[in-house]
Amino acid sequence: MHIVTKILIVFGAVLSILLAALTIAMAANVNAIRDSFKAEQSAKIAALADLSQARAQQSGEMADLQKARTAAEAELAKVTDEIKQLQAERATLIAKESEARLAAESIKNQIAGFGDTAKVNAALIKSLTDEVAALRKAQLDSAKRETDLIDRLNDVESQRQVLEQTTRALQEQLSEARLALEAAKSGATTAVAGSPAESLGPRISARIVKLDKFPSGDDLVEINVGSAAGIRENQKLNVVRGGQFIGSLVITTVDLQRSVGRLDRLGRKVEPAVDDLVLSRLD
C-alpha cells in the first residue's frame, strides 16, 4: 500500500476519532443546554408567579394605603372643623370676657353709689318695720275680736238650737194636748202612756244612713237627723221608698244629729235599704 494512502487512512481514522469525540461532546452539551433551558423555564415560571403575587400584594398594599389616606383626609377635615369651631368659641369667649369686664366695671360704679341708697333703704326698712309691727298688732287685736265674736255666735247658735228644740217640743206638746182635748170632747180613749206615737208637730224628713241587727234579730236603722230636728225617743216614724211603705221605725236612741231605732215591717217582706226616705207623718 502506498504511503500516501496509509497517511490518508490514518488521517481519516484521526478525523473519525475527533468527529466521535465532537459528537459525544455535542450530545453532552445538547443535554446540558436542554436541562439548562428547562431550568430557566422553571425559574421563569416561578419568577412570573412571584411577580403576580408581588403585584397582588402591591395592589392590596395600595388599597390599604388608599383607605389610610382617605381616613387621614377625613380625620384632617374633622380636625380642621374642630379647629374652626374652637376658633369661633374662642372669639365668642373673648367677646363675653369683654362684656363681663364692662359689666364688672358698671357694677363697680353702681356699688360705689349704693352707700347712700343703702342708708335711705335702711331708713325706709325701719319705717316699714314699725308700720308692719303696728299692723300686726292691729291684726292680732282684730283676730282676737273676731274669735270672741265667733265664740259669741257659737253660743248664740247653741242657744238658738236649744230654743228651737224647746219650741218644737212645746209645739208637739201643744198639738198632743189639742188632740187629747179633741179626743176627750168626742169621748175617744186616749193612747196608753209610753206607747210609740207619731209626731203631731211639723213634718220631719230624713234618710237611712246605716242598717244593722239588734241581738234579738230585729232590724236596727240609723237615720241622719236627731234631736236638733225634733226627733225624740219612743217616737214613731214611717219608712217609705218610691211611694211604697216599708215599715214603722220606733226611735230608741237620739243624738243631736243622728237617731237609731227599731224597724217593724208589719208583716211585709220588703228589705229596708240605705237612703230610704223616713217621714214623721205620711199625710
Protein backbone atom coordinates (compact mmCIF):
# COMPACT_ATOMS: atom_id res chain seq x y z
CA MET A 1 0.00 0.00 0.00
CA HIS A 2 1.20 3.36 -0.88
CA ILE A 3 2.39 5.60 1.90
CA VAL A 4 0.04 8.39 0.93
CA THR A 5 -2.85 6.02 1.25
CA LYS A 6 -1.67 4.99 4.64
CA ILE A 7 -1.38 8.57 5.68
CA LEU A 8 -4.87 9.31 4.42
CA ILE A 9 -6.20 6.27 6.26
CA VAL A 10 -4.53 7.38 9.46
CA PHE A 11 -5.72 10.91 8.96
CA GLY A 12 -9.28 9.61 8.30
CA ALA A 13 -9.09 7.49 11.45
CA VAL A 14 -7.96 10.50 13.47
CA LEU A 15 -10.72 12.58 11.94
CA SER A 16 -13.22 9.83 12.80
CA ILE A 17 -11.96 9.81 16.38
CA LEU A 18 -12.17 13.59 16.53
CA LEU A 19 -15.65 13.53 14.96
CA ALA A 20 -16.77 10.91 17.51
CA ALA A 21 -15.34 12.98 20.32
CA LEU A 22 -17.06 16.07 18.96
CA THR A 23 -20.31 14.12 18.60
CA ILE A 24 -20.08 12.92 22.21
CA ALA A 25 -19.23 16.41 23.40
CA MET A 26 -22.05 17.87 21.33
CA ALA A 27 -24.53 15.32 22.71
CA ALA A 28 -23.41 16.17 26.25
CA ASN A 29 -23.71 19.91 25.51
CA VAL A 30 -27.17 19.41 24.00
CA ASN A 31 -28.36 17.62 27.18
CA ALA A 32 -26.82 20.30 29.34
CA ILE A 33 -28.37 23.03 27.21
CA ARG A 34 -31.78 21.23 27.36
CA ASP A 35 -31.53 20.88 31.16
CA SER A 36 -30.46 24.50 31.45
CA PHE A 37 -33.33 25.60 29.24
CA LYS A 38 -35.82 23.63 31.34
CA ALA A 39 -34.31 25.09 34.49
CA GLU A 40 -34.54 28.57 33.03
CA GLN A 41 -38.16 27.90 32.03
CA SER A 42 -39.00 26.73 35.56
CA ALA A 43 -37.21 29.74 37.01
CA LYS A 44 -39.11 31.98 34.60
CA ILE A 45 -42.47 30.46 35.63
CA ALA A 46 -41.55 30.79 39.32
CA ALA A 47 -40.43 34.35 38.71
CA LEU A 48 -43.72 35.12 36.92
CA ALA A 49 -45.68 33.59 39.84
CA ASP A 50 -43.64 35.60 42.34
CA LEU A 51 -44.21 38.69 40.17
CA SER A 52 -48.00 38.07 40.15
CA GLN A 53 -48.00 37.54 43.92
CA ALA A 54 -45.91 40.65 44.40
CA ARG A 55 -48.28 42.62 42.16
CA ALA A 56 -51.32 41.32 44.10
CA GLN A 57 -49.62 42.19 47.37
CA GLN A 58 -48.72 45.58 45.97
CA SER A 59 -52.36 46.09 44.91
CA GLY A 60 -53.55 45.20 48.44
CA GLU A 61 -50.98 47.49 49.97
CA MET A 62 -52.04 50.23 47.57
CA ALA A 63 -55.71 49.70 48.56
CA ASP A 64 -54.75 49.82 52.28
CA LEU A 65 -52.72 52.93 51.61
CA GLN A 66 -55.70 54.48 49.78
CA LYS A 67 -58.01 53.64 52.73
CA ALA A 68 -55.49 55.02 55.15
CA ARG A 69 -55.19 58.14 53.04
CA THR A 70 -58.99 58.54 52.90
CA ALA A 71 -59.25 58.06 56.67
CA ALA A 72 -56.40 60.52 57.21
CA GLU A 73 -58.10 63.06 54.96
CA ALA A 74 -61.41 62.60 56.84
CA GLU A 75 -59.63 62.94 60.17
CA LEU A 76 -57.85 66.03 58.86
CA ALA A 77 -61.19 67.53 57.77
CA LYS A 78 -62.68 66.72 61.20
CA VAL A 79 -59.73 68.26 62.98
CA THR A 80 -59.99 71.29 60.69
CA ASP A 81 -63.68 71.68 61.57
CA GLU A 82 -62.89 71.32 65.26
CA ILE A 83 -60.18 73.94 64.95
CA LYS A 84 -62.64 76.27 63.23
CA GLN A 85 -65.25 75.59 65.92
CA LEU A 86 -62.69 76.19 68.67
CA GLN A 87 -61.63 79.40 66.99
CA ALA A 88 -65.28 80.53 66.84
CA GLU A 89 -65.77 79.59 70.52
CA ARG A 90 -62.58 81.43 71.38
CA ALA A 91 -63.87 84.53 69.61
CA THR A 92 -67.20 84.19 71.47
CA LEU A 93 -65.43 83.77 74.80
CA ILE A 94 -63.26 86.77 74.10
CA ALA A 95 -66.38 88.82 73.33
CA LYS A 96 -68.09 87.54 76.51
CA GLU A 97 -64.99 88.33 78.52
CA SER A 98 -65.07 91.88 77.19
CA GLU A 99 -68.76 92.15 78.08
CA ALA A 100 -68.08 90.73 81.55
CA ARG A 101 -65.33 93.24 82.12
CA LEU A 102 -67.63 96.06 81.06
CA ALA A 103 -70.38 94.68 83.31
CA ALA A 104 -67.93 94.40 86.21
CA GLU A 105 -66.88 97.98 85.70
CA SER A 106 -70.55 99.03 85.62
CA ILE A 107 -71.31 97.05 88.80
CA LYS A 108 -68.28 98.55 90.47
CA ASN A 109 -69.54 102.01 89.61
CA GLN A 110 -73.01 101.09 90.87
CA ILE A 111 -71.63 99.72 94.15
CA ALA A 112 -69.82 102.98 94.67
CA GLY A 113 -73.22 104.74 94.63
CA PHE A 114 -75.02 102.14 96.78
CA GLY A 115 -73.84 103.65 100.06
CA ASP A 116 -76.33 106.50 100.13
CA THR A 117 -79.02 104.23 98.69
CA ALA A 118 -78.38 101.70 101.47
CA LYS A 119 -78.79 104.40 104.11
CA VAL A 120 -82.08 105.53 102.56
CA ASN A 121 -83.25 101.91 102.31
CA ALA A 122 -82.32 101.32 105.96
CA ALA A 123 -84.47 104.26 106.98
CA LEU A 124 -87.32 103.01 104.81
CA ILE A 125 -86.98 99.47 106.20
CA LYS A 126 -87.12 100.79 109.76
CA SER A 127 -90.22 102.80 108.91
CA LEU A 128 -91.80 99.79 107.21
CA THR A 129 -90.88 97.55 110.15
CA ASP A 130 -92.61 99.92 112.54
CA GLU A 131 -95.67 100.02 110.27
CA VAL A 132 -95.71 96.20 109.97
CA ALA A 133 -95.45 95.86 113.76
CA ALA A 134 -98.34 98.26 114.20
CA LEU A 135 -100.37 96.43 111.52
CA ARG A 136 -99.58 93.05 113.10
CA LYS A 137 -100.73 94.30 116.50
CA ALA A 138 -103.90 95.67 114.90
CA GLN A 139 -104.40 92.36 113.05
CA LEU A 140 -103.92 90.36 116.26
CA ASP A 141 -106.43 92.60 118.04
CA SER A 142 -108.84 92.18 115.13
CA ALA A 143 -108.33 88.38 115.14
CA LYS A 144 -108.98 88.32 118.89
CA ARG A 145 -112.16 90.35 118.44
CA GLU A 146 -113.18 88.05 115.59
CA THR A 147 -112.54 84.99 117.76
CA ASP A 148 -114.61 86.50 120.55
CA LEU A 149 -117.39 87.24 118.05
CA ILE A 150 -117.26 83.67 116.70
CA ASP A 151 -117.47 82.30 120.24
CA ARG A 152 -120.44 84.55 120.92
CA LEU A 153 -122.04 83.47 117.62
CA ASN A 154 -121.49 79.81 118.55
CA ASP A 155 -123.08 80.43 121.94
CA VAL A 156 -125.99 82.22 120.29
CA GLU A 157 -126.32 79.39 117.74
CA SER A 158 -126.35 76.81 120.55
CA GLN A 159 -128.98 78.85 122.37
CA ARG A 160 -130.95 79.14 119.12
CA GLN A 161 -130.84 75.35 118.61
CA VAL A 162 -131.94 74.79 122.21
CA LEU A 163 -134.75 77.31 121.80
CA GLU A 164 -135.72 75.73 118.50
CA GLN A 165 -135.85 72.27 120.10
CA THR A 166 -137.81 73.68 123.02
CA THR A 167 -140.21 75.38 120.59
CA ARG A 168 -140.69 72.16 118.64
CA ALA A 169 -141.23 70.22 121.85
CA LEU A 170 -143.75 72.80 123.01
CA GLN A 171 -145.47 72.70 119.59
CA GLU A 172 -145.68 68.91 119.80
CA GLN A 173 -146.98 69.05 123.37
CA LEU A 174 -149.49 71.67 122.30
CA SER A 175 -150.58 69.53 119.32
CA GLU A 176 -150.85 66.45 121.56
CA ALA A 177 -152.83 68.47 124.11
CA ARG A 178 -155.16 69.69 121.37
CA LEU A 179 -155.53 66.15 120.06
CA ALA A 180 -156.21 64.85 123.57
CA LEU A 181 -158.69 67.65 124.16
CA GLU A 182 -160.49 66.88 120.90
CA ALA A 183 -160.46 63.19 121.73
CA ALA A 184 -161.83 63.95 125.20
CA LYS A 185 -164.57 66.08 123.71
CA SER A 186 -165.52 63.35 121.27
CA GLY A 187 -165.38 60.73 124.00
CA ALA A 188 -162.49 58.78 122.41
CA THR A 189 -159.97 56.83 124.50
CA THR A 190 -156.50 58.31 124.93
CA ALA A 191 -153.37 56.44 123.99
CA VAL A 192 -151.55 54.43 126.62
CA ALA A 193 -148.75 56.43 128.20
CA GLY A 194 -145.29 55.41 126.97
CA SER A 195 -146.50 53.72 123.73
CA PRO A 196 -144.87 54.83 120.41
CA ALA A 197 -146.73 57.69 118.74
CA GLU A 198 -146.27 59.79 115.61
CA SER A 199 -145.20 63.42 115.93
CA LEU A 200 -148.01 65.95 115.67
CA GLY A 201 -145.65 68.88 115.06
CA PRO A 202 -144.02 69.96 111.81
CA ARG A 203 -143.31 67.18 109.34
CA ILE A 204 -139.74 65.78 109.64
CA SER A 205 -137.93 64.21 106.69
CA ALA A 206 -134.77 62.06 106.97
CA ARG A 207 -132.75 59.33 105.20
CA ILE A 208 -131.45 55.95 106.33
CA VAL A 209 -127.64 56.08 106.61
CA LYS A 210 -126.89 52.69 108.21
CA LEU A 211 -128.51 49.28 108.69
CA ASP A 212 -127.68 46.64 111.30
CA LYS A 213 -129.31 44.00 113.51
CA PHE A 214 -130.28 44.01 117.19
CA PRO A 215 -129.18 40.96 119.23
CA SER A 216 -132.81 39.86 119.06
CA GLY A 217 -132.62 39.83 115.25
CA ASP A 218 -134.76 42.92 114.69
CA ASP A 219 -133.66 45.50 112.11
CA LEU A 220 -131.58 48.37 113.54
CA VAL A 221 -131.85 51.55 111.47
CA GLU A 222 -129.78 54.75 111.80
CA ILE A 223 -131.11 57.99 110.26
CA ASN A 224 -129.37 61.33 109.58
CA VAL A 225 -131.45 63.56 111.89
CA GLY A 226 -131.63 63.83 115.66
CA SER A 227 -132.89 65.97 118.48
CA ALA A 228 -131.85 69.12 116.61
CA ALA A 229 -134.60 68.35 114.08
CA GLY A 230 -137.19 67.47 116.78
CA ILE A 231 -136.71 63.68 116.96
CA ARG A 232 -137.29 62.16 120.43
CA GLU A 233 -137.15 58.72 121.95
CA ASN A 234 -140.14 56.39 121.51
CA GLN A 235 -141.26 58.45 118.51
CA LYS A 236 -142.82 56.55 115.64
CA LEU A 237 -141.62 57.28 112.08
CA ASN A 238 -142.52 55.84 108.68
CA VAL A 239 -140.02 54.32 106.19
CA VAL A 240 -141.02 54.61 102.51
CA ARG A 241 -139.37 54.06 99.16
CA GLY A 242 -140.81 55.49 95.95
CA GLY A 243 -144.29 55.78 97.48
CA GLN A 244 -144.15 52.20 98.86
CA PHE A 245 -144.49 51.80 102.64
CA ILE A 246 -141.64 49.70 104.09
CA GLY A 247 -142.43 49.74 107.81
CA SER A 248 -142.64 51.70 111.05
CA LEU A 249 -139.47 52.93 112.80
CA VAL A 250 -139.61 53.36 116.60
CA ILE A 251 -136.74 55.57 117.82
CA THR A 252 -134.75 54.07 120.73
CA THR A 253 -131.68 56.36 120.88
CA VAL A 254 -131.44 60.03 119.96
CA ASP A 255 -128.33 62.18 119.43
CA LEU A 256 -128.10 65.79 118.32
CA GLN A 257 -127.66 64.94 114.61
CA ARG A 258 -128.37 61.15 114.49
CA SER A 259 -131.06 58.76 115.68
CA VAL A 260 -131.30 54.95 115.97
CA GLY A 261 -134.48 52.91 116.04
CA ARG A 262 -136.10 49.51 115.63
CA LEU A 263 -137.90 48.76 112.34
CA ASP A 264 -141.25 46.98 112.38
CA ARG A 265 -142.09 45.71 108.86
CA LEU A 266 -145.69 44.92 109.90
CA GLY A 267 -145.59 41.59 108.11
CA ARG A 268 -144.22 42.98 104.81
CA LYS A 269 -141.41 41.11 103.04
CA VAL A 270 -139.59 44.26 101.92
CA GLU A 271 -135.99 44.83 102.93
CA PRO A 272 -135.02 48.37 104.06
CA ALA A 273 -132.08 49.97 102.27
CA VAL A 274 -129.68 52.84 102.84
CA ASP A 275 -131.06 56.15 101.51
CA ASP A 276 -134.70 55.09 102.01
CA LEU A 277 -136.91 58.04 102.97
CA VAL A 278 -138.05 58.39 106.61
CA LEU A 279 -141.09 60.64 107.39
CA SER A 280 -142.62 61.66 110.70
CA ARG A 281 -146.06 61.60 109.07
CA LEU A 282 -147.41 60.11 105.85
CA ASP A 283 -150.03 62.85 105.26
